């Protein structure tokens, strides 16, 4: 279980590995902080390709990030590569109203 991030010009990607739950809080917060420290970032992707499960704390972390992104004038926040079980959790939580989900 880990969280990594990559920066490319005006785009950033945060990749979550393993279960996305409270145990990832510190690593996720640190990755977000590092990405948001770059003022030229215009697009942020949260890649969930390697996430098989997430819980309510992960949903909360994503909502906090959404507020932080707005404060930093990032134009696009995308949650990508969701597996069916994760997509179902997002549907139940109505996250499609708050995020662009691919």
PDB file of N, CA and C in Angstrom:
ATOM      1  N   UNK A   1       0.835  -1.172   0.000  1.00  0.00           N
ATOM      2  CA  UNK A   1       0.000   0.000   0.000  1.00  0.00           C
ATOM      3  C   UNK A   1       0.885   1.241   0.000  1.00  0.00           C
ATOM      4  N   UNK A   2       0.668   2.080  -1.010  1.00  0.00           N
ATOM      5  CA  UNK A   2       1.441   3.311  -1.079  1.00  0.00           C
ATOM      6  C   UNK A   2       0.712   4.330  -1.948  1.00  0.00           C
ATOM      7  N   UNK A   3       1.229   5.530  -1.888  1.00  0.00           N
ATOM      8  CA  UNK A   3       0.723   6.621  -2.704  1.00  0.00           C
ATOM      9  C   UNK A   3       1.933   7.262  -3.374  1.00  0.00           C
ATOM     10  N   UNK A   4       1.858   7.427  -4.696  1.00  0.00           N
ATOM     11  CA  UNK A   4       2.940   8.074  -5.426  1.00  0.00           C
ATOM     12  C   UNK A   4       2.341   9.216  -6.241  1.00  0.00           C
ATOM     13  N   UNK A   5       3.201  10.136  -6.649  1.00  0.00           N
ATOM     14  CA  UNK A   5       2.727  11.226  -7.506  1.00  0.00           C
ATOM     15  C   UNK A   5       3.773  11.532  -8.556  1.00  0.00           C
ATOM     16  N   UNK A   6       3.284  12.079  -9.674  1.00  0.00           N
ATOM     17  CA  UNK A   6       4.136  12.449 -10.798  1.00  0.00           C
ATOM     18  C   UNK A   6       3.693  13.810 -11.313  1.00  0.00           C
ATOM     19  N   UNK A   7       4.656  14.635 -11.662  1.00  0.00           N
ATOM     20  CA  UNK A   7       4.382  15.954 -12.219  1.00  0.00           C
ATOM     21  C   UNK A   7       4.885  16.005 -13.649  1.00  0.00           C
ATOM     22  N   UNK A   8       4.071  16.552 -14.562  1.00  0.00           N
ATOM     23  CA  UNK A   8       4.437  16.739 -15.960  1.00  0.00           C
ATOM     24  C   UNK A   8       3.910  18.092 -16.409  1.00  0.00           C
ATOM     25  N   UNK A   9       4.784  19.042 -16.550  1.00  0.00           N
ATOM     26  CA  UNK A   9       4.419  20.391 -16.967  1.00  0.00           C
ATOM     27  C   UNK A   9       3.258  20.923 -16.138  1.00  0.00           C
ATOM     28  N   UNK A  10       2.049  21.016 -16.709  1.00  0.00           N
ATOM     29  CA  UNK A  10       0.902  21.560 -15.981  1.00  0.00           C
ATOM     30  C   UNK A  10      -0.035  20.473 -15.461  1.00  0.00           C
ATOM     31  N   UNK A  11       0.415  19.212 -15.511  1.00  0.00           N
ATOM     32  CA  UNK A  11      -0.422  18.096 -15.085  1.00  0.00           C
ATOM     33  C   UNK A  11       0.248  17.322 -13.962  1.00  0.00           C
ATOM     34  N   UNK A  12      -0.571  16.813 -13.068  1.00  0.00           N
ATOM     35  CA  UNK A  12      -0.068  15.989 -11.975  1.00  0.00           C
ATOM     36  C   UNK A  12      -0.960  14.756 -11.853  1.00  0.00           C
ATOM     37  N   UNK A  13      -0.359  13.660 -11.420  1.00  0.00           N
ATOM     38  CA  UNK A  13      -1.094  12.429 -11.178  1.00  0.00           C
ATOM     39  C   UNK A  13      -0.726  11.908  -9.799  1.00  0.00           C
ATOM     40  N   UNK A  14      -1.732  11.562  -9.035  1.00  0.00           N
ATOM     41  CA  UNK A  14      -1.527  10.870  -7.763  1.00  0.00           C
ATOM     42  C   UNK A  14      -2.059   9.460  -7.960  1.00  0.00           C
ATOM     43  N   UNK A  15      -1.204   8.485  -7.713  1.00  0.00           N
ATOM     44  CA  UNK A  15      -1.557   7.072  -7.901  1.00  0.00           C
ATOM     45  C   UNK A  15      -1.680   6.419  -6.534  1.00  0.00           C
ATOM     46  N   UNK A  16      -2.820   5.772  -6.298  1.00  0.00           N
ATOM     47  CA  UNK A  16      -3.050   5.048  -5.051  1.00  0.00           C
ATOM     48  C   UNK A  16      -2.833   3.567  -5.333  1.00  0.00           C
ATOM     49  N   UNK A  17      -2.124   2.902  -4.438  1.00  0.00           N
ATOM     50  CA  UNK A  17      -1.842   1.472  -4.580  1.00  0.00           C
ATOM     51  C   UNK A  17      -2.445   0.739  -3.377  1.00  0.00           C
ATOM     52  N   UNK A  18      -3.206  -0.313  -3.628  1.00  0.00           N
ATOM     53  CA  UNK A  18      -3.770  -1.110  -2.535  1.00  0.00           C
ATOM     54  C   UNK A  18      -5.091  -0.566  -2.053  1.00  0.00           C
ATOM     55  N   UNK A  19      -5.438  -0.882  -0.815  1.00  0.00           N
ATOM     56  CA  UNK A  19      -6.688  -0.393  -0.230  1.00  0.00           C
ATOM     57  C   UNK A  19      -6.558   1.095   0.068  1.00  0.00           C
ATOM     58  N   UNK A  20      -7.563   1.843  -0.345  1.00  0.00           N
ATOM     59  CA  UNK A  20      -7.590   3.284  -0.089  1.00  0.00           C
ATOM     60  C   UNK A  20      -8.476   3.489   1.137  1.00  0.00           C
ATOM     61  N   UNK A  21      -7.824   3.609   2.291  1.00  0.00           N
ATOM     62  CA  UNK A  21      -8.540   3.765   3.548  1.00  0.00           C
ATOM     63  C   UNK A  21      -7.720   4.675   4.465  1.00  0.00           C
ATOM     64  N   UNK A  22      -8.099   4.735   5.736  1.00  0.00           N
ATOM     65  CA  UNK A  22      -7.446   5.673   6.642  1.00  0.00           C
ATOM     66  C   UNK A  22      -5.945   5.414   6.786  1.00  0.00           C
ATOM     67  N   UNK A  23      -5.510   4.187   6.583  1.00  0.00           N
ATOM     68  CA  UNK A  23      -4.071   3.903   6.689  1.00  0.00           C
ATOM     69  C   UNK A  23      -3.267   4.645   5.614  1.00  0.00           C
ATOM     70  N   UNK A  24      -3.914   5.093   4.553  1.00  0.00           N
ATOM     71  CA  UNK A  24      -3.265   5.846   3.479  1.00  0.00           C
ATOM     72  C   UNK A  24      -3.332   7.362   3.711  1.00  0.00           C
ATOM     73  N   UNK A  25      -3.971   7.784   4.792  1.00  0.00           N
ATOM     74  CA  UNK A  25      -4.217   9.208   5.013  1.00  0.00           C
ATOM     75  C   UNK A  25      -2.945  10.050   4.952  1.00  0.00           C
ATOM     76  N   UNK A  26      -1.932   9.674   5.706  1.00  0.00           N
ATOM     77  CA  UNK A  26      -0.697  10.466   5.747  1.00  0.00           C
ATOM     78  C   UNK A  26      -0.010  10.539   4.394  1.00  0.00           C
ATOM     79  N   UNK A  27       0.092   9.403   3.721  1.00  0.00           N
ATOM     80  CA  UNK A  27       0.749   9.366   2.406  1.00  0.00           C
ATOM     81  C   UNK A  27      -0.049  10.154   1.378  1.00  0.00           C
ATOM     82  N   UNK A  28      -1.376  10.041   1.413  1.00  0.00           N
ATOM     83  CA  UNK A  28      -2.220  10.781   0.478  1.00  0.00           C
ATOM     84  C   UNK A  28      -2.117  12.285   0.740  1.00  0.00           C
ATOM     85  N   UNK A  29      -2.178  12.676   2.000  1.00  0.00           N
ATOM     86  CA  UNK A  29      -2.055  14.090   2.366  1.00  0.00           C
ATOM     87  C   UNK A  29      -0.717  14.658   1.901  1.00  0.00           C
ATOM     88  N   UNK A  30       0.363  13.894   2.104  1.00  0.00           N
ATOM     89  CA  UNK A  30       1.693  14.357   1.698  1.00  0.00           C
ATOM     90  C   UNK A  30       1.797  14.510   0.181  1.00  0.00           C
ATOM     91  N   UNK A  31       1.221  13.557  -0.565  1.00  0.00           N
ATOM     92  CA  UNK A  31       1.249  13.644  -2.027  1.00  0.00           C
ATOM     93  C   UNK A  31       0.445  14.850  -2.502  1.00  0.00           C
ATOM     94  N   UNK A  32      -0.705  15.060  -1.912  1.00  0.00           N
ATOM     95  CA  UNK A  32      -1.539  16.225  -2.276  1.00  0.00           C
ATOM     96  C   UNK A  32      -0.806  17.524  -1.978  1.00  0.00           C
ATOM     97  N   UNK A  33      -0.193  17.592  -0.819  1.00  0.00           N
ATOM     98  CA  UNK A  33       0.537  18.792  -0.424  1.00  0.00           C
ATOM     99  C   UNK A  33       1.672  19.077  -1.401  1.00  0.00           C
ATOM    100  N   UNK A  34       2.394  18.041  -1.800  1.00  0.00           N
ATOM    101  CA  UNK A  34       3.504  18.206  -2.747  1.00  0.00           C
ATOM    102  C   UNK A  34       3.005  18.683  -4.107  1.00  0.00           C
ATOM    103  N   UNK A  35       1.915  18.123  -4.583  1.00  0.00           N
ATOM    104  CA  UNK A  35       1.357  18.520  -5.880  1.00  0.00           C
ATOM    105  C   UNK A  35       0.843  19.957  -5.821  1.00  0.00           C
ATOM    106  N   UNK A  36       0.110  20.282  -4.763  1.00  0.00           N
ATOM    107  CA  UNK A  36      -0.480  21.618  -4.656  1.00  0.00           C
ATOM    108  C   UNK A  36       0.560  22.710  -4.418  1.00  0.00           C
ATOM    109  N   UNK A  37       1.759  22.324  -4.058  1.00  0.00           N
ATOM    110  CA  UNK A  37       2.838  23.296  -3.863  1.00  0.00           C
ATOM    111  C   UNK A  37       3.363  23.842  -5.187  1.00  0.00           C
ATOM    112  N   UNK A  38       3.005  23.198  -6.301  1.00  0.00           N
ATOM    113  CA  UNK A  38       3.441  23.634  -7.629  1.00  0.00           C
ATOM    114  C   UNK A  38       2.357  24.527  -8.239  1.00  0.00           C
ATOM    115  N   UNK A  39       2.592  25.821  -8.320  1.00  0.00           N
ATOM    116  CA  UNK A  39       1.549  26.751  -8.756  1.00  0.00           C
ATOM    117  C   UNK A  39       1.165  26.624 -10.236  1.00  0.00           C
ATOM    118  N   UNK A  40       1.966  25.942 -11.029  1.00  0.00           N
ATOM    119  CA  UNK A  40       1.678  25.839 -12.462  1.00  0.00           C
ATOM    120  C   UNK A  40       0.748  24.667 -12.805  1.00  0.00           C
ATOM    121  N   UNK A  41       0.384  23.841 -11.836  1.00  0.00           N
ATOM    122  CA  UNK A  41      -0.470  22.682 -12.099  1.00  0.00           C
ATOM    123  C   UNK A  41      -1.892  23.154 -12.429  1.00  0.00           C
ATOM    124  N   UNK A  42      -2.411  22.694 -13.557  1.00  0.00           N
ATOM    125  CA  UNK A  42      -3.766  23.050 -13.997  1.00  0.00           C
ATOM    126  C   UNK A  42      -4.709  21.845 -13.996  1.00  0.00           C
ATOM    127  N   UNK A  43      -4.127  20.622 -13.986  1.00  0.00           N
ATOM    128  CA  UNK A  43      -4.931  19.410 -14.050  1.00  0.00           C
ATOM    129  C   UNK A  43      -4.362  18.384 -13.073  1.00  0.00           C
ATOM    130  N   UNK A  44      -5.253  17.773 -12.292  1.00  0.00           N
ATOM    131  CA  UNK A  44      -4.840  16.754 -11.322  1.00  0.00           C
ATOM    132  C   UNK A  44      -5.670  15.506 -11.537  1.00  0.00           C
ATOM    133  N   UNK A  45      -4.994  14.398 -11.736  1.00  0.00           N
ATOM    134  CA  UNK A  45      -5.635  13.098 -11.916  1.00  0.00           C
ATOM    135  C   UNK A  45      -5.363  12.236 -10.688  1.00  0.00           C
ATOM    136  N   UNK A  46      -6.410  11.633 -10.146  1.00  0.00           N
ATOM    137  CA  UNK A  46      -6.275  10.648  -9.083  1.00  0.00           C
ATOM    138  C   UNK A  46      -6.485   9.296  -9.753  1.00  0.00           C
ATOM    139  N   UNK A  47      -5.406   8.540  -9.917  1.00  0.00           N
ATOM    140  CA  UNK A  47      -5.451   7.274 -10.635  1.00  0.00           C
ATOM    141  C   UNK A  47      -5.702   6.145  -9.634  1.00  0.00           C
ATOM    142  N   UNK A  48      -6.829   5.459  -9.793  1.00  0.00           N
ATOM    143  CA  UNK A  48      -7.223   4.386  -8.885  1.00  0.00           C
ATOM    144  C   UNK A  48      -7.107   3.012  -9.535  1.00  0.00           C
ATOM    145  N   UNK A  49      -6.255   2.884 -10.544  1.00  0.00           N
ATOM    146  CA  UNK A  49      -6.092   1.631 -11.271  1.00  0.00           C
ATOM    147  C   UNK A  49      -5.768   0.460 -10.344  1.00  0.00           C
ATOM    148  N   UNK A  50      -5.017   0.703  -9.300  1.00  0.00           N
ATOM    149  CA  UNK A  50      -4.574  -0.377  -8.417  1.00  0.00           C
ATOM    150  C   UNK A  50      -5.341  -0.408  -7.098  1.00  0.00           C
ATOM    151  N   UNK A  51      -6.514   0.227  -7.066  1.00  0.00           N
ATOM    152  CA  UNK A  51      -7.342   0.238  -5.856  1.00  0.00           C
ATOM    153  C   UNK A  51      -8.488  -0.751  -6.027  1.00  0.00           C
ATOM    154  N   UNK A  52      -8.562  -1.712  -5.094  1.00  0.00           N
ATOM    155  CA  UNK A  52      -9.631  -2.705  -5.116  1.00  0.00           C
ATOM    156  C   UNK A  52     -10.749  -2.374  -4.145  1.00  0.00           C
ATOM    157  N   UNK A  53     -10.452  -1.498  -3.200  1.00  0.00           N
ATOM    158  CA  UNK A  53     -11.445  -1.152  -2.184  1.00  0.00           C
ATOM    159  C   UNK A  53     -11.143   0.234  -1.637  1.00  0.00           C
ATOM    160  N   UNK A  54     -12.199   0.972  -1.312  1.00  0.00           N
ATOM    161  CA  UNK A  54     -12.025   2.221  -0.581  1.00  0.00           C
ATOM    162  C   UNK A  54     -13.140   2.323   0.439  1.00  0.00           C
ATOM    163  N   UNK A  55     -12.884   3.092   1.487  1.00  0.00           N
ATOM    164  CA  UNK A  55     -13.880   3.229   2.539  1.00  0.00           C
ATOM    165  C   UNK A  55     -14.285   4.692   2.696  1.00  0.00           C
ATOM    166  N   UNK A  56     -15.082   4.964   3.709  1.00  0.00           N
ATOM    167  CA  UNK A  56     -15.605   6.316   3.887  1.00  0.00           C
ATOM    168  C   UNK A  56     -14.499   7.333   4.168  1.00  0.00           C
ATOM    169  N   UNK A  57     -13.423   6.914   4.800  1.00  0.00           N
ATOM    170  CA  UNK A  57     -12.337   7.870   5.038  1.00  0.00           C
ATOM    171  C   UNK A  57     -11.691   8.281   3.723  1.00  0.00           C
ATOM    172  N   UNK A  58     -11.604   7.363   2.758  1.00  0.00           N
ATOM    173  CA  UNK A  58     -11.069   7.702   1.435  1.00  0.00           C
ATOM    174  C   UNK A  58     -11.994   8.695   0.739  1.00  0.00           C
ATOM    175  N   UNK A  59     -13.286   8.495   0.861  1.00  0.00           N
ATOM    176  CA  UNK A  59     -14.243   9.451   0.279  1.00  0.00           C
ATOM    177  C   UNK A  59     -14.044  10.826   0.897  1.00  0.00           C
ATOM    178  N   UNK A  60     -13.847  10.863   2.206  1.00  0.00           N
ATOM    179  CA  UNK A  60     -13.601  12.133   2.884  1.00  0.00           C
ATOM    180  C   UNK A  60     -12.321  12.796   2.416  1.00  0.00           C
ATOM    181  N   UNK A  61     -11.269  12.012   2.233  1.00  0.00           N
ATOM    182  CA  UNK A  61     -10.000  12.568   1.750  1.00  0.00           C
ATOM    183  C   UNK A  61     -10.171  13.179   0.366  1.00  0.00           C
ATOM    184  N   UNK A  62     -10.945  12.531  -0.485  1.00  0.00           N
ATOM    185  CA  UNK A  62     -11.174  13.059  -1.828  1.00  0.00           C
ATOM    186  C   UNK A  62     -11.972  14.363  -1.778  1.00  0.00           C
ATOM    187  N   UNK A  63     -12.937  14.452  -0.881  1.00  0.00           N
ATOM    188  CA  UNK A  63     -13.709  15.691  -0.749  1.00  0.00           C
ATOM    189  C   UNK A  63     -12.845  16.840  -0.239  1.00  0.00           C
ATOM    190  N   UNK A  64     -11.964  16.553   0.705  1.00  0.00           N
ATOM    191  CA  UNK A  64     -11.040  17.578   1.194  1.00  0.00           C
ATOM    192  C   UNK A  64     -10.141  18.042   0.055  1.00  0.00           C
ATOM    193  N   UNK A  65      -9.640  17.089  -0.729  1.00  0.00           N
ATOM    194  CA  UNK A  65      -8.795  17.444  -1.870  1.00  0.00           C
ATOM    195  C   UNK A  65      -9.556  18.322  -2.849  1.00  0.00           C
ATOM    196  N   UNK A  66     -10.799  18.016  -3.101  1.00  0.00           N
ATOM    197  CA  UNK A  66     -11.610  18.823  -4.026  1.00  0.00           C
ATOM    198  C   UNK A  66     -11.658  20.278  -3.577  1.00  0.00           C
ATOM    199  N   UNK A  67     -11.832  20.504  -2.288  1.00  0.00           N
ATOM    200  CA  UNK A  67     -11.845  21.870  -1.766  1.00  0.00           C
ATOM    201  C   UNK A  67     -10.480  22.534  -1.913  1.00  0.00           C
ATOM    202  N   UNK A  68      -9.410  21.791  -1.671  1.00  0.00           N
ATOM    203  CA  UNK A  68      -8.059  22.329  -1.796  1.00  0.00           C
ATOM    204  C   UNK A  68      -7.738  22.679  -3.247  1.00  0.00           C
ATOM    205  N   UNK A  69      -8.168  21.847  -4.168  1.00  0.00           N
ATOM    206  CA  UNK A  69      -7.937  22.088  -5.589  1.00  0.00           C
ATOM    207  C   UNK A  69      -8.596  23.392  -6.008  1.00  0.00           C
ATOM    208  N   UNK A  70      -9.799  23.631  -5.548  1.00  0.00           N
ATOM    209  CA  UNK A  70     -10.507  24.875  -5.886  1.00  0.00           C
ATOM    210  C   UNK A  70      -9.736  26.082  -5.360  1.00  0.00           C
ATOM    211  N   UNK A  71      -9.169  25.961  -4.174  1.00  0.00           N
ATOM    212  CA  UNK A  71      -8.393  27.061  -3.589  1.00  0.00           C
ATOM    213  C   UNK A  71      -7.113  27.353  -4.368  1.00  0.00           C
ATOM    214  N   UNK A  72      -6.600  26.349  -5.094  1.00  0.00           N
ATOM    215  CA  UNK A  72      -5.349  26.501  -5.849  1.00  0.00           C
ATOM    216  C   UNK A  72      -5.596  26.753  -7.337  1.00  0.00           C
ATOM    217  N   UNK A  73      -6.835  26.983  -7.712  1.00  0.00           N
ATOM    218  CA  UNK A  73      -7.205  27.332  -9.088  1.00  0.00           C
ATOM    219  C   UNK A  73      -6.814  26.254 -10.099  1.00  0.00           C
ATOM    220  N   UNK A  74      -6.848  25.006  -9.676  1.00  0.00           N
ATOM    221  CA  UNK A  74      -6.641  23.899 -10.604  1.00  0.00           C
ATOM    222  C   UNK A  74      -7.945  23.719 -11.366  1.00  0.00           C
ATOM    223  N   UNK A  75      -7.846  23.653 -12.683  1.00  0.00           N
ATOM    224  CA  UNK A  75      -9.031  23.670 -13.538  1.00  0.00           C
ATOM    225  C   UNK A  75      -9.705  22.311 -13.684  1.00  0.00           C
ATOM    226  N   UNK A  76      -8.956  21.220 -13.513  1.00  0.00           N
ATOM    227  CA  UNK A  76      -9.536  19.900 -13.739  1.00  0.00           C
ATOM    228  C   UNK A  76      -9.077  18.938 -12.655  1.00  0.00           C
ATOM    229  N   UNK A  77     -10.044  18.235 -12.060  1.00  0.00           N
ATOM    230  CA  UNK A  77      -9.772  17.164 -11.110  1.00  0.00           C
ATOM    231  C   UNK A  77     -10.476  15.922 -11.629  1.00  0.00           C
ATOM    232  N   UNK A  78      -9.705  14.915 -11.964  1.00  0.00           N
ATOM    233  CA  UNK A  78     -10.221  13.693 -12.579  1.00  0.00           C
ATOM    234  C   UNK A  78      -9.886  12.505 -11.701  1.00  0.00           C
ATOM    235  N   UNK A  79     -10.861  11.647 -11.461  1.00  0.00           N
ATOM    236  CA  UNK A  79     -10.623  10.351 -10.837  1.00  0.00           C
ATOM    237  C   UNK A  79     -10.676   9.331 -11.960  1.00  0.00           C
ATOM    238  N   UNK A  80      -9.570   8.622 -12.168  1.00  0.00           N
ATOM    239  CA  UNK A  80      -9.484   7.751 -13.342  1.00  0.00           C
ATOM    240  C   UNK A  80      -9.247   6.283 -12.987  1.00  0.00           C
ATOM    241  N   UNK A  81      -9.519   5.445 -13.970  1.00  0.00           N
ATOM    242  CA  UNK A  81      -9.223   4.012 -13.930  1.00  0.00           C
ATOM    243  C   UNK A  81      -9.868   3.299 -12.747  1.00  0.00           C
ATOM    244  N   UNK A  82     -11.132   3.595 -12.500  1.00  0.00           N
ATOM    245  CA  UNK A  82     -11.833   2.969 -11.388  1.00  0.00           C
ATOM    246  C   UNK A  82     -12.319   1.577 -11.786  1.00  0.00           C
ATOM    247  N   UNK A  83     -12.120   0.635 -10.900  1.00  0.00           N
ATOM    248  CA  UNK A  83     -12.637  -0.722 -11.093  1.00  0.00           C
ATOM    249  C   UNK A  83     -14.131  -0.710 -10.785  1.00  0.00           C
ATOM    250  N   UNK A  84     -14.876  -1.706 -11.273  1.00  0.00           N
ATOM    251  CA  UNK A  84     -16.329  -1.721 -11.065  1.00  0.00           C
ATOM    252  C   UNK A  84     -16.759  -1.590  -9.604  1.00  0.00           C
ATOM    253  N   UNK A  85     -16.074  -2.255  -8.691  1.00  0.00           N
ATOM    254  CA  UNK A  85     -16.459  -2.177  -7.279  1.00  0.00           C
ATOM    255  C   UNK A  85     -16.251  -0.762  -6.734  1.00  0.00           C
ATOM    256  N   UNK A  86     -15.203  -0.095  -7.162  1.00  0.00           N
ATOM    257  CA  UNK A  86     -14.945   1.281  -6.729  1.00  0.00           C
ATOM    258  C   UNK A  86     -15.953   2.224  -7.380  1.00  0.00           C
ATOM    259  N   UNK A  87     -16.238   2.002  -8.640  1.00  0.00           N
ATOM    260  CA  UNK A  87     -17.224   2.829  -9.347  1.00  0.00           C
ATOM    261  C   UNK A  87     -18.599   2.714  -8.677  1.00  0.00           C
ATOM    262  N   UNK A  88     -18.927   1.521  -8.188  1.00  0.00           N
ATOM    263  CA  UNK A  88     -20.205   1.315  -7.508  1.00  0.00           C
ATOM    264  C   UNK A  88     -20.258   2.118  -6.199  1.00  0.00           C
ATOM    265  N   UNK A  89     -19.166   2.136  -5.462  1.00  0.00           N
ATOM    266  CA  UNK A  89     -19.109   2.929  -4.225  1.00  0.00           C
ATOM    267  C   UNK A  89     -19.299   4.407  -4.556  1.00  0.00           C
ATOM    268  N   UNK A  90     -18.635   4.879  -5.614  1.00  0.00           N
ATOM    269  CA  UNK A  90     -18.794   6.279  -6.024  1.00  0.00           C
ATOM    270  C   UNK A  90     -20.241   6.569  -6.429  1.00  0.00           C
ATOM    271  N   UNK A  91     -20.884   5.627  -7.092  1.00  0.00           N
ATOM    272  CA  UNK A  91     -22.276   5.830  -7.504  1.00  0.00           C
ATOM    273  C   UNK A  91     -23.196   5.932  -6.284  1.00  0.00           C
ATOM    274  N   UNK A  92     -22.994   5.062  -5.304  1.00  0.00           N
ATOM    275  CA  UNK A  92     -23.805   5.095  -4.089  1.00  0.00           C
ATOM    276  C   UNK A  92     -23.607   6.419  -3.350  1.00  0.00           C
ATOM    277  N   UNK A  93     -22.356   6.905  -3.326  1.00  0.00           N
ATOM    278  CA  UNK A  93     -22.034   8.159  -2.632  1.00  0.00           C
ATOM    279  C   UNK A  93     -22.338   9.397  -3.484  1.00  0.00           C
ATOM    280  N   UNK A  94     -22.820   9.171  -4.709  1.00  0.00           N
ATOM    281  CA  UNK A  94     -23.158  10.261  -5.638  1.00  0.00           C
ATOM    282  C   UNK A  94     -21.956  11.159  -5.945  1.00  0.00           C
ATOM    283  N   UNK A  95     -20.774  10.546  -6.032  1.00  0.00           N
ATOM    284  CA  UNK A  95     -19.561  11.311  -6.295  1.00  0.00           C
ATOM    285  C   UNK A  95     -19.502  11.850  -7.717  1.00  0.00           C
ATOM    286  N   UNK A  96     -20.326  11.322  -8.608  1.00  0.00           N
ATOM    287  CA  UNK A  96     -20.343  11.844  -9.972  1.00  0.00           C
ATOM    288  C   UNK A  96     -20.850  13.286 -10.006  1.00  0.00           C
ATOM    289  N   UNK A  97     -21.499  13.734  -8.935  1.00  0.00           N
ATOM    290  CA  UNK A  97     -21.952  15.132  -8.850  1.00  0.00           C
ATOM    291  C   UNK A  97     -20.815  16.069  -8.449  1.00  0.00           C
ATOM    292  N   UNK A  98     -19.755  15.514  -7.859  1.00  0.00           N
ATOM    293  CA  UNK A  98     -18.668  16.321  -7.350  1.00  0.00           C
ATOM    294  C   UNK A  98     -17.361  16.174  -8.124  1.00  0.00           C
ATOM    295  N   UNK A  99     -17.229  15.077  -8.867  1.00  0.00           N
ATOM    296  CA  UNK A  99     -15.977  14.759  -9.546  1.00  0.00           C
ATOM    297  C   UNK A  99     -16.223  14.306 -10.974  1.00  0.00           C
ATOM    298  N   UNK A 100     -15.228  14.525 -11.796  1.00  0.00           N
ATOM    299  CA  UNK A 100     -15.192  13.891 -13.114  1.00  0.00           C
ATOM    300  C   UNK A 100     -14.575  12.517 -12.880  1.00  0.00           C
ATOM    301  N   UNK A 101     -15.334  11.470 -13.204  1.00  0.00           N
ATOM    302  CA  UNK A 101     -14.878  10.101 -12.974  1.00  0.00           C
ATOM    303  C   UNK A 101     -14.792   9.388 -14.310  1.00  0.00           C
ATOM    304  N   UNK A 102     -13.610   8.818 -14.561  1.00  0.00           N
ATOM    305  CA  UNK A 102     -13.376   8.096 -15.819  1.00  0.00           C
ATOM    306  C   UNK A 102     -13.150   6.635 -15.507  1.00  0.00           C
TER     307      UNK A 102
END
